[in-house]
Protein backbone atom coordinates (compact mmCIF):
# COMPACT_ATOMS: atom_id res chain seq x y z
CA MET A 1 -22.17 -29.27 21.04
CA PHE A 2 -20.66 -32.26 20.51
CA THR A 3 -21.29 -32.81 16.72
CA PHE A 4 -19.12 -29.40 16.38
CA GLY A 5 -16.35 -31.31 18.43
CA TYR A 6 -16.55 -34.17 16.18
CA HIS A 7 -16.23 -31.70 12.99
CA VAL A 8 -13.37 -30.67 14.90
CA LYS A 9 -11.39 -33.31 16.02
CA ARG A 10 -12.01 -34.94 12.03
CA ALA A 11 -10.76 -31.90 10.58
CA LEU A 12 -7.46 -31.87 12.60
CA VAL A 13 -7.26 -35.60 12.02
CA GLY A 14 -7.39 -34.82 8.25
CA VAL A 15 -4.72 -32.25 8.53
CA ARG A 16 -2.41 -34.36 10.18
CA SER A 17 -2.98 -37.30 7.40
CA ARG A 18 -0.50 -37.09 4.98
CA PRO A 19 1.86 -34.85 6.38
CA TRP A 20 4.10 -34.27 3.59
CA ALA A 21 1.22 -33.53 1.38
CA GLN A 22 -0.20 -30.95 3.30
CA VAL A 23 3.78 -29.21 4.17
CA LEU A 24 3.83 -28.56 0.69
CA THR A 25 0.15 -26.98 0.48
CA LEU A 26 0.93 -24.99 3.39
CA GLY A 27 4.28 -24.09 1.96
CA SER A 28 2.76 -23.13 -1.45
CA VAL A 29 -0.27 -20.85 0.22
CA ALA A 30 2.21 -19.51 2.05
CA LEU A 31 4.19 -18.34 -0.73
CA ALA A 32 1.66 -17.08 -3.14
CA MET A 33 0.42 -14.90 -0.27
CA VAL A 34 3.97 -13.57 0.91
CA LEU A 35 4.20 -12.41 -3.04
CA VAL A 36 1.29 -10.48 -2.65
CA GLY A 37 1.27 -9.07 0.88
CA SER A 38 4.79 -7.92 -0.71
CA VAL A 39 3.05 -5.98 -3.37
CA LEU A 40 0.57 -4.48 -0.79
CA LEU A 41 3.47 -3.53 1.66
CA ILE A 42 5.90 -1.74 -0.62
CA ALA A 43 2.30 0.19 -2.05
CA GLN A 44 2.07 1.23 1.59
CA ASN A 45 5.61 2.12 2.38
CA LEU A 46 5.80 3.65 -0.88
CA SER A 47 2.92 5.80 -0.04
CA ARG A 48 4.24 7.17 3.33
CA LEU A 49 7.29 7.65 2.15
CA THR A 50 6.01 9.96 -0.62
CA ASP A 51 3.64 11.87 1.88
CA ASP A 52 6.77 12.32 4.03
CA TRP A 53 8.75 13.69 1.14
CA GLY A 54 5.77 15.95 0.10
CA SER A 55 5.87 17.25 3.43
CA GLY A 56 7.52 20.63 2.93
CA ALA A 57 7.59 20.58 -0.81
CA THR A 58 8.28 24.42 -1.53
CA VAL A 59 5.73 26.34 -4.11
CA ALA A 60 7.28 29.38 -5.68
CA VAL A 61 4.46 32.83 -6.25
CA ASP A 62 6.21 35.03 -8.68
CA LEU A 63 4.62 38.56 -8.35
CA ALA A 64 4.19 40.58 -11.52
CA GLU A 65 5.89 44.19 -11.38
CA ALA A 66 4.72 47.15 -9.54
CA VAL A 67 1.87 45.24 -7.76
CA PRO A 68 0.33 47.26 -5.06
CA PRO A 69 0.57 46.48 -1.37
CA ALA A 70 -3.12 45.89 -1.48
CA ASP A 71 -2.97 43.38 -3.79
CA VAL A 72 0.06 41.98 -2.13
CA ALA A 73 -1.42 41.56 1.33
CA ARG A 74 -4.55 39.52 -0.39
CA ILE A 75 -2.38 37.46 -2.29
CA ARG A 76 -0.20 36.18 1.08
CA GLN A 77 -3.91 35.65 2.95
CA ALA A 78 -5.50 33.55 0.06
CA LEU A 79 -2.22 31.78 0.20
CA LYS A 80 -2.32 31.32 4.02
CA GLU A 81 -5.90 30.57 3.87
CA THR A 82 -5.14 27.06 1.29
CA PRO A 83 -5.51 23.94 3.08
CA GLY A 84 -2.34 22.55 3.11
CA VAL A 85 -0.22 25.77 3.21
CA ARG A 86 1.73 25.87 6.59
CA ARG A 87 3.88 28.56 5.75
CA VAL A 88 4.03 31.69 3.48
CA THR A 89 7.39 33.81 3.42
CA TRP A 90 7.96 36.79 2.21
CA VAL A 91 10.73 36.86 -0.67
CA SER A 92 12.32 40.38 -2.40
CA PRO A 93 14.20 40.69 -5.66
CA ALA A 94 16.99 41.70 -3.06
CA GLN A 95 16.61 38.44 -1.22
CA ALA A 96 15.84 36.87 -4.81
CA LYS A 97 19.42 37.80 -5.51
CA SER A 98 21.24 37.07 -2.77
CA ARG A 99 19.74 33.35 -2.44
CA LEU A 100 20.86 32.96 -6.39
CA LEU A 101 24.66 34.31 -5.78
CA ARG A 102 24.86 31.35 -2.65
CA GLY A 103 23.48 28.88 -4.76
CA LEU A 104 26.08 29.53 -7.71
CA GLY A 105 28.67 29.41 -5.14
CA PRO A 106 32.07 29.84 -7.66
CA ASP A 107 30.22 30.87 -10.38
CA ALA A 108 28.01 33.74 -8.89
CA ARG A 109 30.26 36.47 -9.99
CA LEU A 110 28.70 35.43 -13.45
CA VAL A 111 25.35 37.12 -12.39
CA ALA A 112 26.93 39.31 -9.65
CA GLU A 113 26.27 42.66 -11.81
CA VAL A 114 22.58 41.28 -12.72
CA ASP A 115 20.53 44.23 -11.22
CA GLU A 116 18.45 42.46 -8.47
CA SER A 117 14.88 44.54 -10.28
CA PHE A 118 15.21 42.09 -12.99
CA LEU A 119 14.09 39.00 -10.70
CA PRO A 120 10.79 39.16 -9.38
CA ALA A 121 9.26 39.76 -6.34
CA SER A 122 7.53 36.17 -4.88
CA PHE A 123 6.29 34.14 -2.10
CA GLU A 124 7.57 31.32 -0.81
CA VAL A 125 4.91 28.63 0.24
CA VAL A 126 5.88 26.02 2.44
CA LEU A 127 3.52 22.49 1.77
CA GLY A 128 2.39 20.03 4.34
CA GLY A 129 0.32 16.96 4.55
CA ASP A 130 -0.41 13.62 2.71
CA ARG A 131 0.36 13.62 -0.99
CA SER A 132 -3.71 14.47 -1.71
CA THR A 133 -3.37 17.51 0.33
CA VAL A 134 -0.05 18.82 -1.32
CA LEU A 135 -1.38 17.95 -4.82
CA ALA A 136 -4.43 20.08 -4.11
CA ALA A 137 -3.01 23.02 -2.39
CA GLN A 138 -0.56 23.05 -5.80
CA ARG A 139 -3.63 22.60 -8.69
CA ARG A 140 -5.13 25.55 -6.52
CA MET A 141 -1.83 27.65 -6.39
CA THR A 142 -1.35 27.13 -10.12
CA ARG A 143 -4.87 28.58 -11.05
CA MET A 144 -3.70 31.91 -9.59
CA ALA A 145 -1.21 32.62 -11.83
CA LYS A 146 -2.69 34.83 -14.76
CA VAL A 147 -6.11 34.83 -12.88
CA VAL A 148 -5.46 36.68 -9.78
CA PRO A 149 -4.13 40.02 -9.87
CA GLY A 150 -0.67 40.50 -9.33
CA VAL A 151 0.31 36.65 -9.92
CA GLU A 152 2.70 36.28 -12.43
CA SER A 153 3.89 32.48 -12.43
CA VAL A 154 3.56 29.54 -10.12
CA ARG A 155 6.29 27.10 -10.16
CA THR A 156 5.53 23.73 -8.20
CA VAL A 157 6.69 20.06 -8.34
CA GLU A 158 2.62 18.42 -8.95
CA THR A 159 4.40 16.85 -11.92
CA TRP A 160 6.79 14.49 -9.75
CA PHE A 161 4.01 14.10 -7.32
CA HIS A 162 2.01 13.03 -9.86
CA ARG A 163 4.04 10.55 -10.75
CA LEU A 164 4.68 9.18 -7.81
CA GLY A 165 0.52 8.93 -7.22
CA ARG A 166 0.45 6.81 -10.66
CA LEU A 167 3.62 4.72 -9.70
CA VAL A 168 1.59 3.73 -5.96
CA THR A 169 -1.85 3.13 -7.64
CA GLY A 170 -0.16 1.25 -10.31
CA ILE A 171 1.62 -0.47 -7.68
CA ARG A 172 -2.08 -1.52 -5.65
CA MET A 173 -3.59 -2.35 -8.97
CA ALA A 174 -0.70 -4.69 -9.85
CA GLY A 175 -1.51 -6.31 -6.17
CA LEU A 176 -4.99 -6.56 -6.87
CA GLY A 177 -4.78 -8.36 -10.04
CA LEU A 178 -2.10 -10.33 -8.50
CA GLY A 179 -4.20 -10.89 -5.41
CA LEU A 180 -7.10 -12.57 -7.46
CA LEU A 181 -4.73 -14.70 -8.80
CA VAL A 182 -3.51 -15.89 -5.82
CA LEU A 183 -6.94 -16.48 -4.39
CA PHE A 184 -7.48 -18.78 -7.42
CA ALA A 185 -4.08 -20.57 -7.16
CA CYS A 186 -4.69 -21.20 -3.32
CA GLY A 187 -8.00 -22.32 -3.76
CA TYR A 188 -7.29 -24.95 -6.51
CA ILE A 189 -3.95 -26.19 -4.49
CA ILE A 190 -6.29 -26.25 -1.48
CA MET A 191 -9.17 -28.45 -3.09
CA SER A 192 -6.69 -30.68 -4.74
CA THR A 193 -5.28 -31.50 -1.10
CA VAL A 194 -8.91 -32.06 0.50
CA ARG A 195 -9.83 -34.07 -2.62
CA LEU A 196 -6.95 -36.68 -1.95
CA ARG A 197 -8.45 -37.05 1.34
CA PHE A 198 -11.92 -37.31 -0.13
CA VAL A 199 -10.83 -40.01 -2.41
CA ASP A 200 -8.72 -41.59 0.60
CA ARG A 201 -11.91 -41.91 2.61
CA ARG A 202 -14.13 -43.10 -0.02
CA GLN A 203 -15.17 -46.67 1.28
CA GLU A 204 -15.44 -44.92 4.92
CA LEU A 205 -17.70 -42.04 3.81
CA GLN A 206 -19.84 -44.57 1.65
CA ILE A 207 -20.58 -46.73 4.75
CA MET A 208 -21.54 -43.45 6.60
CA ARG A 209 -23.98 -42.76 4.00
CA LEU A 210 -25.14 -46.52 4.09
CA MET A 211 -25.77 -45.58 7.98
CA GLY A 212 -27.92 -42.43 7.18
CA ALA A 213 -25.60 -39.29 7.48
CA THR A 214 -26.55 -36.69 5.40
CA GLU A 215 -23.91 -35.13 3.14
CA ARG A 216 -23.67 -32.03 5.01
CA PHE A 217 -22.34 -34.07 7.67
CA ILE A 218 -19.82 -35.66 5.82
CA ARG A 219 -18.48 -32.84 4.05
CA THR A 220 -18.33 -30.27 7.46
CA PRO A 221 -14.94 -31.47 8.82
CA PHE A 222 -13.30 -31.56 5.10
CA LEU A 223 -14.54 -27.43 5.11
CA MET A 224 -13.14 -26.75 8.15
CA GLU A 225 -9.89 -28.90 7.26
CA GLY A 226 -10.06 -26.69 4.02
CA ALA A 227 -10.63 -23.42 5.89
CA LEU A 228 -7.55 -24.55 8.76
CA LEU A 229 -5.49 -25.00 5.99
CA GLY A 230 -6.15 -21.48 4.20
CA LEU A 231 -5.96 -19.46 7.84
CA VAL A 232 -2.71 -21.54 8.73
CA GLY A 233 -1.01 -20.94 5.54
CA ALA A 234 -2.17 -17.49 5.80
CA ALA A 235 -0.70 -16.68 9.35
CA LEU A 236 2.20 -18.70 7.91
CA ALA A 237 3.07 -15.75 5.37
CA THR A 238 2.10 -12.82 7.86
CA GLY A 239 5.20 -14.17 9.62
CA MET A 240 7.48 -14.43 6.90
CA LEU A 241 6.78 -11.06 5.68
CA TYR A 242 7.48 -9.79 8.75
CA GLY A 243 10.19 -11.27 9.08
CA LEU A 244 11.52 -10.19 5.67
CA PHE A 245 9.88 -6.62 6.36
CA LEU A 246 12.38 -6.44 9.77
CA LEU A 247 15.68 -8.31 7.80
CA LEU A 248 15.31 -5.79 4.87
CA GLY A 249 13.80 -2.32 7.04
CA SER A 250 17.54 -2.92 9.05
CA ARG A 251 19.24 -2.05 5.78
CA ILE A 252 16.93 0.32 3.89
CA HIS A 253 18.89 3.07 5.50
CA SER A 254 22.65 1.63 4.49
CA LEU A 255 21.09 1.51 0.58
CA PHE A 256 19.22 4.66 0.43
CA GLY A 257 21.16 6.81 2.85
CA THR A 258 18.97 10.00 4.27
CA SER A 259 17.11 10.05 2.06
CA VAL A 260 14.84 7.31 3.26
CA SER A 261 13.80 7.61 7.22
CA VAL A 262 13.50 4.25 8.51
CA SER A 263 10.95 5.52 11.32
CA LYS A 264 8.50 6.07 8.40
CA LEU A 265 8.29 2.54 6.93
CA GLY A 266 5.82 0.52 9.17
CA PHE A 267 4.30 -3.09 8.70
CA LEU A 268 0.85 -3.54 7.28
CA PRO A 269 -1.83 -2.92 10.02
CA LEU A 270 -3.64 -5.11 11.65
CA SER A 271 -6.67 -4.45 10.15
CA GLN A 272 -5.00 -5.81 6.96
CA VAL A 273 -3.31 -8.46 8.63
CA ALA A 274 -6.86 -9.81 9.90
CA TYR A 275 -8.32 -9.38 6.32
CA GLY A 276 -5.47 -11.34 4.62
CA LEU A 277 -6.12 -14.16 7.11
CA GLY A 278 -9.84 -14.18 6.51
CA VAL A 279 -8.70 -13.99 2.69
CA GLY A 280 -6.93 -17.27 3.22
CA ALA A 281 -9.79 -19.23 5.78
CA LEU A 282 -12.34 -18.10 2.59
CA CYS A 283 -10.07 -19.76 -0.28
CA GLY A 284 -9.77 -23.04 1.56
CA LEU A 285 -12.93 -23.50 2.66
CA LEU A 286 -14.24 -22.13 -0.82
CA GLY A 287 -11.70 -24.83 -2.44
CA SER A 288 -12.91 -27.75 0.27
CA TRP A 289 -16.60 -26.89 -0.93
CA PHE A 290 -15.50 -27.48 -4.24
CA ALA A 291 -13.79 -30.55 -3.28
CA THR A 292 -16.31 -31.98 -1.72
CA ARG A 293 -19.18 -31.28 -4.22
CA SER A 294 -17.03 -32.75 -6.73
CA GLY A 295 -16.59 -35.65 -4.84
CA ALA A 296 -20.41 -36.08 -3.33
CA ASP A 297 -20.48 -39.28 -5.37
CA ALA A 298 -17.75 -41.05 -3.73
């Protein structure tokens, strides 16, 4: 217990030494981690918004002409049993023409004389759930076209969802690659800082070796110092990222209007915050380990 207290004290003394160097180190680590955190935060909220936009997506299942009532009932039941389907509504040709006329507005007279039998009967299917559930439901209904008796065609927004899904996946992969680069950069920055401390105490460490101190005893305060620098840098990054989230979140509505629901936005979950703090401490620990190992003959 006494040894641990000594190591902690020496680590804190090391952090307080060379204050400007420590400030620059913490600032560099924090800014680098803010960059990675921003990418992850954007990907997370874009995924949430995509799920929100996808909830309520409509799919039109057009039926062939003169479908027997028994087949219509069977198709309706199959649609209702599809995971992700919230509501199935029958749209008769007369209702389809009425909707078309309302949608055309002043130009409705152009198709007013079109016979309603020209338009197919259909089921209007409203989907819900997250993006993967909506996509799975759309793919399942798309396979019904020309395969299930009575189903003529299926109109979906699957392409739009695939594009958003690829965008979210791409951002996350970019965040992963950026995170690896930042991991290396933060470790190198902390390694350089701890290395300076190691060199500054060269004579003191040599005396400790002559007095019988082991390399483990000598290096432990430096390892704790590096881990502390990484942890504090990650904590600063979390605070800065949260401040940016609050600042920009309050302006989302004015920038995008009602197309983006501010209530659907959220900060990183506590599990990811804890993971980021752990990664910061690990970066510092590894950086200081390499610094003390390379300078073990100091």
